[in-house]
Amino acid sequence: MPQLNPAPWLAILLFSWLMFLTIIPTKVMGHLYSNEPSVQSAEKPKPEPWNWPWY
């Protein structure tokens, strides 16, 4: 039964985890956002009542 032979699958598993832990985080952390978040005011806006047209 060839699926029980761990030799090729163990190498694939280790190589994929090596990629996930070394290459991908550096690419994700190096991403720059085009729109920087702005500070919102601490004052909450007053909600407007809804105009229900059917009553």
C-alpha atoms as a PDB file:
ATOM      1  CA  MET A   1       0.000   0.000   0.000  1.00  0.00           C
ATOM      2  CA  PRO A   2       1.937   3.068  -1.192  1.00  0.00           C
ATOM      3  CA  GLN A   3      -0.020   5.592   0.855  1.00  0.00           C
ATOM      4  CA  LEU A   4       1.505   4.160   4.038  1.00  0.00           C
ATOM      5  CA  ASN A   5       5.044   4.994   2.891  1.00  0.00           C
ATOM      6  CA  PRO A   6       5.883   8.198   4.837  1.00  0.00           C
ATOM      7  CA  ALA A   7       9.037   9.089   2.912  1.00  0.00           C
ATOM      8  CA  PRO A   8       7.650  11.460   0.224  1.00  0.00           C
ATOM      9  CA  TRP A   9       4.800  12.835   2.332  1.00  0.00           C
ATOM     10  CA  LEU A  10       6.977  13.611   5.326  1.00  0.00           C
ATOM     11  CA  ALA A  11       9.324  15.654   3.137  1.00  0.00           C
ATOM     12  CA  ILE A  12       6.373  17.511   1.581  1.00  0.00           C
ATOM     13  CA  LEU A  13       4.915  18.216   5.029  1.00  0.00           C
ATOM     14  CA  LEU A  14       8.206  19.511   6.413  1.00  0.00           C
ATOM     15  CA  PHE A  15       8.912  21.659   3.362  1.00  0.00           C
ATOM     16  CA  SER A  16       5.443  23.199   3.389  1.00  0.00           C
ATOM     17  CA  TRP A  17       5.721  24.035   7.118  1.00  0.00           C
ATOM     18  CA  LEU A  18       9.141  25.500   6.515  1.00  0.00           C
ATOM     19  CA  MET A  19       7.587  27.776   3.887  1.00  0.00           C
ATOM     20  CA  PHE A  20       4.673  28.713   6.154  1.00  0.00           C
ATOM     21  CA  LEU A  21       6.988  29.607   9.027  1.00  0.00           C
ATOM     22  CA  THR A  22       9.743  31.469   7.156  1.00  0.00           C
ATOM     23  CA  ILE A  23       8.766  32.891   3.767  1.00  0.00           C
ATOM     24  CA  ILE A  24       5.069  33.715   4.079  1.00  0.00           C
ATOM     25  CA  PRO A  25       5.152  35.695   7.395  1.00  0.00           C
ATOM     26  CA  THR A  26       7.866  38.013   6.055  1.00  0.00           C
ATOM     27  CA  LYS A  27       5.776  38.737   2.966  1.00  0.00           C
ATOM     28  CA  VAL A  28       2.615  39.345   5.001  1.00  0.00           C
ATOM     29  CA  MET A  29       4.311  41.549   7.594  1.00  0.00           C
ATOM     30  CA  GLY A  30       6.012  43.591   4.872  1.00  0.00           C
ATOM     31  CA  HIS A  31       2.686  44.567   3.340  1.00  0.00           C
ATOM     32  CA  LEU A  32       1.977  48.313   3.455  1.00  0.00           C
ATOM     33  CA  TYR A  33      -1.547  49.625   3.652  1.00  0.00           C
ATOM     34  CA  SER A  34      -2.473  52.343   1.186  1.00  0.00           C
ATOM     35  CA  ASN A  35      -4.937  54.016   3.574  1.00  0.00           C
ATOM     36  CA  GLU A  36      -3.626  54.685   7.050  1.00  0.00           C
ATOM     37  CA  PRO A  37      -6.290  54.512   9.774  1.00  0.00           C
ATOM     38  CA  SER A  38      -7.391  57.862  11.132  1.00  0.00           C
ATOM     39  CA  VAL A  39      -8.228  58.648  14.740  1.00  0.00           C
ATOM     40  CA  GLN A  40     -11.953  59.018  15.296  1.00  0.00           C
ATOM     41  CA  SER A  41     -13.397  61.486  17.731  1.00  0.00           C
ATOM     42  CA  ALA A  42     -14.423  60.232  21.165  1.00  0.00           C
ATOM     43  CA  GLU A  43     -17.838  61.883  20.821  1.00  0.00           C
ATOM     44  CA  LYS A  44     -20.409  59.433  19.487  1.00  0.00           C
ATOM     45  CA  PRO A  45     -22.800  60.710  16.838  1.00  0.00           C
ATOM     46  CA  LYS A  46     -26.421  61.052  17.895  1.00  0.00           C
ATOM     47  CA  PRO A  47     -28.560  58.507  16.034  1.00  0.00           C
ATOM     48  CA  GLU A  48     -31.316  59.859  13.833  1.00  0.00           C
ATOM     49  CA  PRO A  49     -34.832  58.384  14.208  1.00  0.00           C
ATOM     50  CA  TRP A  50     -36.046  56.360  11.278  1.00  0.00           C
ATOM     51  CA  ASN A  51     -38.782  57.712   9.047  1.00  0.00           C
ATOM     52  CA  TRP A  52     -41.159  54.823   8.465  1.00  0.00           C
ATOM     53  CA  PRO A  53     -43.213  55.711   5.375  1.00  0.00           C
ATOM     54  CA  TRP A  54     -46.060  53.264   6.134  1.00  0.00           C
ATOM     55  CA  TYR A  55     -47.535  54.722   9.299  1.00  0.00           C
END
